[in-house]
N, C-alpha and C. Protein backbone atom coordinates (compact mmCIF):
# COMPACT_ATOMS: atom_id res chain seq x y z
N UNK A 1 0.82 -1.20 0.00
CA UNK A 1 0.00 0.00 0.00
C UNK A 1 0.87 1.27 0.00
N UNK A 2 2.10 1.18 0.48
CA UNK A 2 2.98 2.35 0.55
C UNK A 2 3.63 2.64 -0.79
N UNK A 3 3.45 1.76 -1.76
CA UNK A 3 4.06 1.97 -3.05
C UNK A 3 5.53 1.59 -3.10
N UNK A 4 5.94 0.74 -2.19
CA UNK A 4 7.33 0.30 -2.14
C UNK A 4 7.40 -1.22 -2.23
N UNK A 5 7.01 -1.79 -3.36
CA UNK A 5 7.01 -3.25 -3.47
C UNK A 5 8.40 -3.84 -3.26
N UNK A 6 8.45 -4.93 -2.52
CA UNK A 6 9.71 -5.63 -2.30
C UNK A 6 10.64 -4.97 -1.30
N UNK A 7 10.14 -4.02 -0.55
CA UNK A 7 11.01 -3.31 0.39
C UNK A 7 10.58 -3.49 1.84
N UNK A 8 9.94 -4.59 2.15
CA UNK A 8 9.46 -4.83 3.51
C UNK A 8 10.59 -4.81 4.53
N UNK A 9 11.72 -5.40 4.18
CA UNK A 9 12.84 -5.41 5.14
C UNK A 9 13.36 -4.01 5.42
N UNK A 10 13.39 -3.17 4.39
CA UNK A 10 13.85 -1.80 4.61
C UNK A 10 12.92 -1.05 5.57
N UNK A 11 11.63 -1.28 5.42
CA UNK A 11 10.67 -0.67 6.34
C UNK A 11 10.92 -1.20 7.75
N UNK A 12 11.12 -2.50 7.86
CA UNK A 12 11.41 -3.11 9.17
C UNK A 12 12.65 -2.54 9.81
N UNK A 13 13.71 -2.38 9.03
CA UNK A 13 14.95 -1.81 9.57
C UNK A 13 14.73 -0.37 10.04
N UNK A 14 13.98 0.39 9.27
CA UNK A 14 13.72 1.79 9.65
C UNK A 14 12.92 1.84 10.96
N UNK A 15 11.93 0.98 11.09
CA UNK A 15 11.13 0.98 12.32
C UNK A 15 11.96 0.53 13.51
N UNK A 16 12.82 -0.45 13.29
CA UNK A 16 13.68 -0.95 14.37
C UNK A 16 14.64 0.13 14.87
N UNK A 17 15.05 1.02 13.97
CA UNK A 17 16.01 2.07 14.31
C UNK A 17 15.38 3.28 14.98
N UNK A 18 14.06 3.30 15.11
CA UNK A 18 13.42 4.45 15.76
C UNK A 18 13.88 4.58 17.20
N UNK A 19 14.16 5.79 17.63
CA UNK A 19 14.56 5.98 19.02
C UNK A 19 13.36 5.80 19.95
N UNK A 20 13.63 5.42 21.18
CA UNK A 20 12.57 5.28 22.18
C UNK A 20 11.82 6.61 22.29
N UNK A 21 10.51 6.53 22.36
CA UNK A 21 9.70 7.73 22.49
C UNK A 21 9.40 8.44 21.19
N UNK A 22 9.79 7.84 20.06
CA UNK A 22 9.53 8.44 18.76
C UNK A 22 8.04 8.62 18.55
N UNK A 23 7.66 9.68 17.83
CA UNK A 23 6.25 9.94 17.56
C UNK A 23 5.79 9.30 16.25
N UNK A 24 6.66 8.56 15.58
CA UNK A 24 6.29 7.87 14.35
C UNK A 24 5.26 6.80 14.71
N UNK A 25 4.12 6.76 14.01
CA UNK A 25 3.06 5.79 14.34
C UNK A 25 3.39 4.38 13.82
N UNK A 26 4.40 3.75 14.38
CA UNK A 26 4.89 2.45 13.96
C UNK A 26 3.81 1.38 14.00
N UNK A 27 2.85 1.52 14.90
CA UNK A 27 1.82 0.49 15.05
C UNK A 27 0.93 0.38 13.82
N UNK A 28 0.96 1.37 12.95
CA UNK A 28 0.11 1.34 11.75
C UNK A 28 0.72 0.53 10.61
N UNK A 29 1.91 0.01 10.80
CA UNK A 29 2.56 -0.78 9.76
C UNK A 29 2.23 -2.26 9.99
N UNK A 30 1.49 -2.83 9.04
CA UNK A 30 1.12 -4.24 9.09
C UNK A 30 1.64 -4.91 7.82
N UNK A 31 1.67 -6.23 7.83
CA UNK A 31 2.21 -6.94 6.67
C UNK A 31 1.22 -6.97 5.51
N UNK A 32 1.64 -7.52 4.39
CA UNK A 32 0.84 -7.52 3.16
C UNK A 32 -0.49 -8.25 3.31
N UNK A 33 -0.58 -9.15 4.28
CA UNK A 33 -1.83 -9.87 4.52
C UNK A 33 -2.76 -9.12 5.47
N UNK A 34 -2.34 -7.93 5.91
CA UNK A 34 -3.16 -7.16 6.85
C UNK A 34 -3.02 -7.66 8.27
N UNK A 35 -1.95 -8.40 8.55
CA UNK A 35 -1.74 -8.95 9.89
C UNK A 35 -0.60 -8.23 10.59
N UNK A 36 -0.62 -8.30 11.91
CA UNK A 36 0.49 -7.82 12.72
C UNK A 36 1.58 -8.88 12.64
N UNK A 37 2.78 -8.47 12.25
CA UNK A 37 3.88 -9.43 12.11
C UNK A 37 4.46 -9.82 13.46
N UNK A 38 5.00 -11.02 13.53
CA UNK A 38 5.64 -11.50 14.75
C UNK A 38 6.89 -10.69 15.05
N UNK A 39 7.21 -10.58 16.33
CA UNK A 39 8.38 -9.83 16.78
C UNK A 39 9.28 -10.71 17.61
N UNK A 40 10.48 -10.22 17.82
CA UNK A 40 11.44 -10.92 18.69
C UNK A 40 11.01 -10.86 20.15
N UNK A 41 10.46 -9.72 20.54
CA UNK A 41 10.05 -9.51 21.93
C UNK A 41 8.66 -10.11 22.15
N UNK A 42 8.54 -11.07 23.07
CA UNK A 42 7.23 -11.66 23.35
C UNK A 42 6.21 -10.61 23.78
N UNK A 43 5.03 -10.67 23.21
CA UNK A 43 3.96 -9.75 23.58
C UNK A 43 3.91 -8.48 22.75
N UNK A 44 4.93 -8.21 21.94
CA UNK A 44 4.95 -6.98 21.15
C UNK A 44 3.80 -6.96 20.14
N UNK A 45 3.43 -8.11 19.62
CA UNK A 45 2.32 -8.17 18.66
C UNK A 45 1.02 -7.75 19.32
N UNK A 46 0.82 -8.17 20.57
CA UNK A 46 -0.39 -7.82 21.30
C UNK A 46 -0.43 -6.31 21.56
N UNK A 47 0.71 -5.72 21.89
CA UNK A 47 0.77 -4.27 22.11
C UNK A 47 0.37 -3.54 20.84
N UNK A 48 0.89 -3.97 19.69
CA UNK A 48 0.56 -3.32 18.42
C UNK A 48 -0.93 -3.46 18.13
N UNK A 49 -1.46 -4.64 18.31
CA UNK A 49 -2.88 -4.85 18.05
C UNK A 49 -3.75 -3.98 18.96
N UNK A 50 -3.38 -3.91 20.23
CA UNK A 50 -4.16 -3.10 21.17
C UNK A 50 -4.12 -1.62 20.79
N UNK A 51 -2.96 -1.12 20.35
CA UNK A 51 -2.86 0.27 19.91
C UNK A 51 -3.73 0.52 18.68
N UNK A 52 -3.72 -0.41 17.75
CA UNK A 52 -4.55 -0.27 16.55
C UNK A 52 -6.04 -0.29 16.91
N UNK A 53 -6.43 -1.20 17.78
CA UNK A 53 -7.84 -1.28 18.18
C UNK A 53 -8.26 0.01 18.90
N UNK A 54 -7.36 0.59 19.68
CA UNK A 54 -7.65 1.85 20.36
C UNK A 54 -7.90 2.97 19.34
N UNK A 55 -7.26 2.87 18.16
CA UNK A 55 -7.46 3.85 17.09
C UNK A 55 -8.72 3.56 16.28
N UNK A 56 -9.41 2.48 16.59
CA UNK A 56 -10.63 2.15 15.88
C UNK A 56 -10.47 1.10 14.80
N UNK A 57 -9.30 0.50 14.68
CA UNK A 57 -9.06 -0.54 13.68
C UNK A 57 -9.69 -1.84 14.18
N UNK A 58 -10.41 -2.51 13.32
CA UNK A 58 -11.06 -3.78 13.67
C UNK A 58 -10.40 -4.92 12.91
N UNK A 59 -10.25 -6.03 13.59
CA UNK A 59 -9.65 -7.23 13.01
C UNK A 59 -10.74 -8.26 12.75
N UNK A 60 -10.56 -9.02 11.69
CA UNK A 60 -11.46 -10.12 11.36
C UNK A 60 -10.57 -11.32 11.06
N UNK A 61 -10.71 -12.39 11.85
CA UNK A 61 -9.89 -13.59 11.69
C UNK A 61 -8.39 -13.27 11.75
N UNK A 62 -8.02 -12.36 12.66
CA UNK A 62 -6.61 -12.06 12.86
C UNK A 62 -5.99 -11.09 11.88
N UNK A 63 -6.79 -10.51 11.01
CA UNK A 63 -6.25 -9.56 10.04
C UNK A 63 -7.19 -8.38 9.88
N UNK A 64 -6.64 -7.32 9.32
CA UNK A 64 -7.44 -6.14 9.03
C UNK A 64 -7.97 -6.30 7.62
N UNK A 65 -9.29 -6.31 7.44
CA UNK A 65 -9.82 -6.42 6.08
C UNK A 65 -9.32 -5.25 5.23
N UNK A 66 -8.92 -5.55 4.02
CA UNK A 66 -8.33 -4.55 3.13
C UNK A 66 -9.19 -3.29 3.00
N UNK A 67 -10.50 -3.45 2.96
CA UNK A 67 -11.37 -2.29 2.81
C UNK A 67 -11.37 -1.39 4.04
N UNK A 68 -10.77 -1.84 5.13
CA UNK A 68 -10.72 -1.06 6.37
C UNK A 68 -9.39 -0.36 6.58
N UNK A 69 -8.42 -0.52 5.69
CA UNK A 69 -7.09 0.02 5.92
C UNK A 69 -7.08 1.51 6.22
N UNK A 70 -7.92 2.28 5.59
CA UNK A 70 -7.86 3.73 5.78
C UNK A 70 -9.07 4.30 6.49
N UNK A 71 -10.03 3.47 6.91
CA UNK A 71 -11.24 3.96 7.57
C UNK A 71 -10.95 4.71 8.86
N UNK A 72 -9.96 4.28 9.62
CA UNK A 72 -9.68 4.92 10.91
C UNK A 72 -9.27 6.38 10.75
N UNK A 73 -8.84 6.78 9.55
CA UNK A 73 -8.37 8.15 9.34
C UNK A 73 -9.35 9.00 8.57
N UNK A 74 -10.55 8.51 8.35
CA UNK A 74 -11.55 9.26 7.60
C UNK A 74 -12.57 9.87 8.56
N UNK A 75 -12.11 10.72 9.46
CA UNK A 75 -13.01 11.37 10.43
C UNK A 75 -13.51 12.67 9.88
């Protein structure tokens, strides 16, 4: 959706390099299937999902339906 096909690792590296307390909304980055990707730190996936749900994002069968990707920002 970002228009950067084949660059998932670069996005991951950039997110990993964010300093603590960064205001970049990292929780909004999900994988191509609309799922929260697994992390090295146990429980990090749950934190991301909870932040997304707090923003109004809804999951269906563990993924965000494609038609819902931008609904949370259409206020």
